[in-house]
Amino acid sequence: MSQISARLPDELVAALDEAATKLHRTRADVIRQAVEYYLDDFEDISHAVEVLRDPADPILDWETVKHDLLRQH
């Protein structure tokens, strides 16, 4: 496993320490999980942007989608 270092604002470190205490985890555990979540979200968002930029992908009309979703309930 690689080790990295980063400089964080004091307020962020305080929030990190508070989260670690509440979760009964180490700072490193909280940071590791946060980075994993961020990268998962980044991958999802990147894929969504690719789909939106695909000219072959059909464009959805928001009003039609909203109507269809509301009609299902």
Protein backbone atom coordinates (compact mmCIF):
# COMPACT_ATOMS: atom_id res chain seq x y z
CA MET A 1 0.00 0.00 0.00
CA SER A 2 1.33 3.45 -0.92
CA GLN A 3 1.52 6.34 1.49
CA ILE A 4 0.69 9.93 0.51
CA SER A 5 0.57 13.20 2.38
CA ALA A 6 -1.63 16.25 1.91
CA ARG A 7 -2.06 19.64 3.52
CA LEU A 8 -5.60 20.33 4.73
CA PRO A 9 -7.17 23.43 6.28
CA ASP A 10 -7.51 23.24 10.07
CA GLU A 11 -11.31 23.28 9.80
CA LEU A 12 -11.26 20.22 7.53
CA VAL A 13 -8.92 18.38 9.90
CA ALA A 14 -11.24 19.17 12.81
CA ALA A 15 -14.21 17.80 10.85
CA LEU A 16 -12.16 14.76 9.87
CA ASP A 17 -11.21 14.09 13.48
CA GLU A 18 -14.83 14.47 14.58
CA ALA A 19 -16.00 12.00 11.93
CA ALA A 20 -13.23 9.54 12.81
CA THR A 21 -14.18 9.70 16.50
CA LYS A 22 -17.88 9.18 15.82
CA LEU A 23 -17.15 6.30 13.45
CA HIS A 24 -14.51 4.74 15.76
CA ARG A 25 -12.10 4.78 12.82
CA THR A 26 -8.69 6.29 12.19
CA ARG A 27 -8.12 9.42 10.15
CA ALA A 28 -6.56 7.24 7.46
CA ASP A 29 -9.63 5.00 7.31
CA VAL A 30 -11.98 7.97 6.92
CA ILE A 31 -9.78 9.58 4.27
CA ARG A 32 -9.43 6.28 2.37
CA GLN A 33 -13.19 5.74 2.33
CA ALA A 34 -13.85 9.35 1.33
CA VAL A 35 -11.43 9.08 -1.60
CA GLU A 36 -13.04 5.79 -2.69
CA TYR A 37 -16.52 7.39 -2.62
CA TYR A 38 -15.26 10.44 -4.49
CA LEU A 39 -13.62 8.36 -7.22
CA ASP A 40 -16.76 6.21 -7.60
CA ASP A 41 -18.84 9.38 -8.02
CA PHE A 42 -16.25 10.84 -10.39
CA GLU A 43 -16.42 7.71 -12.56
CA ASP A 44 -20.23 7.84 -12.63
CA ILE A 45 -20.27 11.55 -13.49
CA SER A 46 -17.61 11.09 -16.18
CA HIS A 47 -19.68 8.33 -17.77
CA ALA A 48 -22.83 10.48 -17.63
CA VAL A 49 -21.02 13.35 -19.35
CA GLU A 50 -19.83 11.00 -22.09
CA VAL A 51 -23.40 9.81 -22.65
CA LEU A 52 -24.68 13.38 -22.77
CA ARG A 53 -22.04 14.33 -25.33
CA ASP A 54 -22.88 11.36 -27.58
CA PRO A 55 -24.73 12.81 -30.60
CA ALA A 56 -26.25 9.38 -31.34
CA ASP A 57 -27.90 9.23 -27.92
CA PRO A 58 -31.51 10.45 -27.98
CA ILE A 59 -32.29 13.66 -26.14
CA LEU A 60 -35.01 13.40 -23.50
CA ASP A 61 -37.54 16.14 -23.00
CA TRP A 62 -37.71 16.95 -19.28
CA GLU A 63 -41.44 17.68 -19.31
CA THR A 64 -42.18 14.32 -20.92
CA VAL A 65 -39.95 12.49 -18.46
CA LYS A 66 -41.51 14.32 -15.51
CA HIS A 67 -45.00 13.55 -16.76
CA ASP A 68 -44.17 9.86 -17.23
CA LEU A 69 -42.58 9.58 -13.79
CA LEU A 70 -45.46 11.31 -12.02
CA ARG A 71 -48.01 9.19 -13.86
CA GLN A 72 -46.37 6.01 -12.49
CA HIS A 73 -47.22 6.94 -8.89
